[in-house]
Protein backbone atom coordinates (compact mmCIF):
# COMPACT_ATOMS: atom_id res chain seq x y z
CA MET A 1 5.47 21.05 -25.25
CA THR A 2 5.37 20.27 -21.26
CA ALA A 3 5.70 16.73 -20.54
CA ALA A 4 2.53 14.63 -19.14
CA ALA A 5 2.61 14.22 -15.38
CA LEU A 6 3.53 10.86 -13.68
CA THR A 7 2.08 8.55 -11.09
CA TYR A 8 4.35 6.54 -8.93
CA ALA A 9 2.89 3.48 -7.12
CA ILE A 10 3.81 1.78 -3.73
CA ALA A 11 2.30 -1.57 -2.42
CA ASP A 12 2.52 -3.88 0.41
CA LEU A 13 5.27 -2.01 2.60
CA HIS A 14 4.41 -3.84 5.75
CA GLY A 15 6.88 -2.05 8.25
CA ARG A 16 9.44 -1.68 5.87
CA LEU A 17 10.47 1.98 6.82
CA ASP A 18 13.96 1.03 5.04
CA LEU A 19 11.97 0.28 1.56
CA LEU A 20 9.98 3.38 1.95
CA GLU A 21 12.82 5.85 2.09
CA LEU A 22 14.92 4.44 -0.32
CA ALA A 23 11.73 4.28 -2.46
CA TYR A 24 11.37 7.93 -2.55
CA ASP A 25 14.82 8.58 -2.71
CA ALA A 26 14.20 6.68 -6.21
CA ILE A 27 11.64 8.75 -6.88
CA SER A 28 12.60 12.06 -6.33
CA ALA A 29 15.68 11.23 -8.79
CA ASP A 30 13.09 9.73 -11.94
CA SER A 31 11.14 12.74 -11.87
CA ALA A 32 13.43 14.95 -12.24
CA GLY A 33 11.58 17.90 -11.95
CA ARG A 34 8.15 16.55 -13.63
CA PRO A 35 4.49 16.58 -11.41
CA ALA A 36 4.03 13.74 -10.42
CA THR A 37 1.74 11.98 -7.79
CA ILE A 38 2.35 8.85 -5.13
CA VAL A 39 -0.45 6.31 -4.72
CA HIS A 40 0.15 3.75 -1.92
CA LEU A 41 -1.79 1.06 -1.91
CA GLY A 42 -2.18 -0.26 1.52
CA ASP A 43 -0.50 -2.53 4.14
CA TYR A 44 1.35 0.10 6.26
CA VAL A 45 1.64 -2.61 9.11
CA ASP A 46 2.15 -5.63 10.30
CA ARG A 47 5.27 -8.58 9.86
CA GLY A 48 8.02 -6.56 8.80
CA PRO A 49 9.47 -4.42 12.34
CA GLN A 50 8.93 -0.99 11.44
CA SER A 51 5.12 -0.20 10.94
CA ARG A 52 4.79 2.31 13.23
CA GLY A 53 7.73 4.24 11.52
CA VAL A 54 5.94 3.21 8.26
CA LEU A 55 3.01 5.28 9.57
CA GLU A 56 4.91 8.32 10.73
CA TRP A 57 6.32 8.91 7.67
CA LEU A 58 3.50 8.71 6.27
CA MET A 59 1.47 10.79 8.48
CA GLU A 60 4.02 13.19 9.16
CA ASP A 61 4.41 14.17 5.42
CA PRO A 62 8.37 13.64 5.45
CA ALA A 63 9.25 17.26 2.83
CA LEU A 64 8.96 16.07 -0.54
CA PRO A 65 9.96 18.18 -3.77
CA PRO A 66 6.84 20.49 -4.67
CA TRP A 67 6.20 18.89 -7.50
CA ILE A 68 5.05 15.88 -5.95
CA ARG A 69 1.53 14.94 -4.25
CA ARG A 70 1.11 12.04 -2.24
CA ILE A 71 -2.27 9.39 -2.02
CA CYS A 72 -2.46 6.75 0.96
CA LEU A 73 -4.82 4.18 0.53
CA ARG A 74 -6.34 2.07 2.69
CA GLY A 75 -5.42 -2.09 2.70
CA ASN A 76 -6.78 -5.33 4.60
CA HIS A 77 -4.30 -4.98 7.10
CA GLU A 78 -5.43 -1.68 8.24
CA ASP A 79 -8.49 -3.11 8.78
CA ILE A 80 -7.46 -5.35 10.83
CA MET A 81 -5.57 -3.35 12.87
CA LEU A 82 -8.42 -1.15 13.31
CA ALA A 83 -10.72 -3.69 14.72
CA CYS A 84 -8.59 -5.54 16.94
CA ALA A 85 -7.43 -1.88 18.62
CA ARG A 86 -11.19 -1.25 19.19
CA ASP A 87 -11.80 -5.17 20.39
CA ALA A 88 -8.97 -6.67 21.71
CA GLY A 89 -10.12 -9.88 22.22
CA LEU A 90 -9.85 -10.18 18.10
CA ALA A 91 -6.23 -9.90 18.31
CA GLY A 92 -5.23 -13.43 19.62
CA ARG A 93 -6.85 -15.37 16.76
CA TRP A 94 -6.92 -12.61 13.89
CA TRP A 95 -4.55 -10.09 14.83
CA MET A 96 -1.34 -11.68 15.99
CA PRO A 97 -1.52 -14.37 13.20
CA ASN A 98 -1.21 -12.20 10.37
CA GLY A 99 2.01 -9.93 11.95
CA GLY A 100 0.47 -8.07 14.40
CA GLY A 101 2.69 -9.00 17.60
CA ALA A 102 5.56 -7.01 15.01
CA THR A 103 3.11 -4.14 14.67
CA LEU A 104 2.55 -3.83 18.55
CA LEU A 105 6.93 -4.24 19.21
CA SER A 106 7.08 -1.24 16.92
CA TYR A 107 4.86 1.00 19.34
CA GLY A 108 6.36 -0.20 22.55
CA ALA A 109 4.90 -3.35 23.49
CA ARG A 110 6.63 -6.32 24.65
CA ILE A 111 7.17 -9.75 24.73
CA GLY A 112 5.20 -11.50 27.15
CA ASP A 113 2.20 -8.40 27.85
CA SER A 114 -1.20 -9.43 27.25
CA ILE A 115 -2.83 -7.94 24.39
CA ALA A 116 -5.15 -5.76 25.73
CA SER A 117 -2.34 -4.00 27.73
CA ALA A 118 -0.18 -4.28 24.26
CA VAL A 119 -3.06 -2.21 22.19
CA VAL A 120 -2.95 0.60 24.39
CA HIS A 121 0.37 1.59 23.28
CA VAL A 122 -1.05 2.48 19.52
CA PRO A 123 -1.82 6.79 19.36
CA ALA A 124 -5.38 7.45 19.08
CA GLU A 125 -4.56 9.82 16.15
CA HIS A 126 -2.76 6.66 14.14
CA LEU A 127 -5.97 4.92 14.09
CA ALA A 128 -7.99 7.82 13.23
CA TRP A 129 -5.47 8.77 10.32
CA LEU A 130 -6.00 5.01 9.30
CA ALA A 131 -9.74 4.83 9.73
CA ALA A 132 -9.98 8.26 7.14
CA LEU A 133 -7.81 6.89 4.30
CA PRO A 134 -10.06 6.16 0.90
CA ARG A 135 -10.16 2.82 -0.44
CA LEU A 136 -9.87 4.17 -4.60
CA HIS A 137 -8.22 6.36 -6.19
CA VAL A 138 -9.59 7.11 -10.06
CA ASP A 139 -7.54 9.08 -12.70
CA ARG A 140 -8.63 9.68 -16.39
CA HIS A 141 -6.82 6.12 -17.18
CA ARG A 142 -6.65 3.87 -14.37
CA VAL A 143 -7.90 3.10 -11.07
CA PHE A 144 -5.69 2.04 -7.78
CA VAL A 145 -6.91 -0.22 -5.09
CA HIS A 146 -5.29 -2.58 -2.55
CA ALA A 147 -7.16 -5.60 -3.32
CA GLY A 148 -9.00 -5.01 -6.47
CA VAL A 149 -12.52 -4.04 -8.28
CA ASP A 150 -15.68 -5.66 -9.47
CA PRO A 151 -15.46 -5.06 -13.22
CA ALA A 152 -19.16 -5.28 -13.53
CA ARG A 153 -19.85 -2.89 -11.24
CA PRO A 154 -19.78 1.00 -11.26
CA LEU A 155 -16.73 1.98 -9.35
CA ASP A 156 -19.05 4.65 -6.85
CA ARG A 157 -20.79 0.79 -6.10
CA GLN A 158 -18.01 -1.06 -5.15
CA ASP A 159 -18.11 -3.73 -2.27
CA ASP A 160 -15.26 -1.86 0.53
CA GLU A 161 -14.81 -5.24 1.79
CA ARG A 162 -13.92 -6.63 -1.79
CA MET A 163 -11.97 -4.02 -2.56
CA GLY A 164 -9.47 -4.56 0.37
CA TRP A 165 -9.54 -8.28 0.36
CA MET A 166 -10.37 -10.16 -2.92
CA LEU A 167 -8.01 -11.70 -4.73
CA TYR A 168 -8.10 -11.54 -8.82
CA PRO A 169 -7.97 -15.79 -10.02
CA ASP A 170 -4.41 -16.64 -11.65
CA GLY A 171 -3.84 -15.30 -14.81
CA CYS A 172 -6.70 -12.88 -15.18
CA GLU A 173 -6.68 -9.72 -17.22
CA ASP A 174 -9.68 -8.08 -16.00
CA GLY A 175 -9.46 -4.08 -16.34
CA HIS A 176 -12.59 -2.08 -15.26
CA GLY A 177 -13.91 -0.41 -18.30
CA GLN A 178 -10.85 1.17 -20.10
CA ARG A 179 -9.41 1.83 -17.13
CA HIS A 180 -6.16 0.21 -16.06
CA ILE A 181 -6.03 -1.90 -12.37
CA VAL A 182 -3.41 -1.05 -10.61
CA HIS A 183 -3.39 -2.61 -6.77
CA GLY A 184 -1.06 -5.09 -4.15
CA HIS A 185 -2.30 -7.52 -1.74
CA HIS A 186 -1.62 -10.34 -3.55
CA GLN A 187 1.95 -11.38 -3.16
CA HIS A 188 4.18 -12.40 -6.21
CA ALA A 189 7.90 -12.61 -4.99
CA GLN A 190 8.85 -12.67 -8.53
CA GLY A 191 6.24 -10.02 -9.53
CA PRO A 192 5.37 -7.33 -10.57
CA LEU A 193 2.53 -9.36 -12.73
CA LEU A 194 1.55 -7.03 -15.70
CA PHE A 195 -1.49 -7.95 -17.54
CA SER A 196 -3.50 -6.20 -20.31
CA GLY A 197 -6.55 -5.15 -17.85
CA ARG A 198 -4.61 -4.96 -14.55
CA THR A 199 -1.06 -4.34 -12.54
CA ASN A 200 0.18 -5.74 -9.10
CA LEU A 201 2.78 -5.21 -7.67
CA ASP A 202 2.93 -6.31 -4.69
CA THR A 203 6.43 -8.33 -4.35
CA PHE A 204 6.06 -9.86 -0.61
CA ALA A 205 8.62 -7.08 -0.30
CA TRP A 206 8.48 -7.43 3.67
CA MET A 207 10.47 -10.78 3.31
CA THR A 208 12.25 -10.25 0.25
CA GLY A 209 13.66 -6.81 0.51
CA ARG A 210 12.45 -5.81 -3.03
CA LEU A 211 10.27 -3.24 -3.74
CA VAL A 212 9.37 -2.61 -7.16
CA VAL A 213 7.43 1.19 -8.32
CA GLY A 214 5.04 1.34 -10.82
CA VAL A 215 5.90 4.57 -13.14
CA PHE A 216 2.50 5.53 -15.30
CA ASP A 217 2.22 8.40 -17.50
CA ASP A 218 -0.92 10.36 -16.65
CA ALA A 219 -1.57 10.97 -20.77
CA LEU A 220 -0.94 7.67 -21.54
CA ALA A 221 -3.68 4.37 -21.17
CA GLY A 222 -2.66 0.86 -20.00
CA GLY A 223 0.45 0.03 -17.43
CA PRO A 224 3.38 0.94 -16.17
CA ILE A 225 5.80 3.14 -18.78
CA ARG A 226 8.64 1.59 -16.14
CA THR A 227 9.82 0.29 -12.61
CA LEU A 228 12.00 1.01 -10.42
CA GLU A 229 13.05 -1.67 -8.15
CA VAL A 230 14.65 -1.05 -4.26
CA LYS A 231 16.60 -3.21 -2.48
CA GLY A 232 17.34 -3.82 0.87
CA ALA A 233 18.10 -6.52 3.55
CA PRO A 234 15.72 -10.17 2.91
CA ALA A 235 13.87 -10.76 6.41
């Protein structure tokens, strides 16, 4: 009998290219030739030191084993970056307090540059790629999203801002109907948080140096069948 495919979910990277590279090494070894999908849950930029490197890694599609495909979703920090790149006046009061300075430095801006002159370092093709990213990936058993979904609304009628920005109440078990929710966004250094209806994979990786990848069997409902943990230096 052929084994079912696997899905690997990676939450908030925030400029930690080192952890991204380690995660892909772990996934390649774990999948061992089994068909697989990697789903990135958003928040590629800000706070950590290598936002540009993370985006270029994802955009340029580094050589993956032929049995692995990749899907990238959009998070709220991509929303911030896009809005502030269009209107540099927003950056000082919205992007910089949320780690945007580290992103601009990764693109070659210098400390002391004006925000307007720093923003021009970001290539238009990077912004176009971010703007085109979807919010959701849905398979037979799960919904993958950056922040969360409204359990009372159909998936095709979800609010875009809610999917990027909401926070589940502590201890909330909600999924979406029979589907399990897989998300990041709400950082917990001791995570992941595993509930009956949802899995939160945001382990505050950019600060802790600890990234946890959720591994899901595409034939089985519910949460991860196991996790893969990779570690780098803390910030």
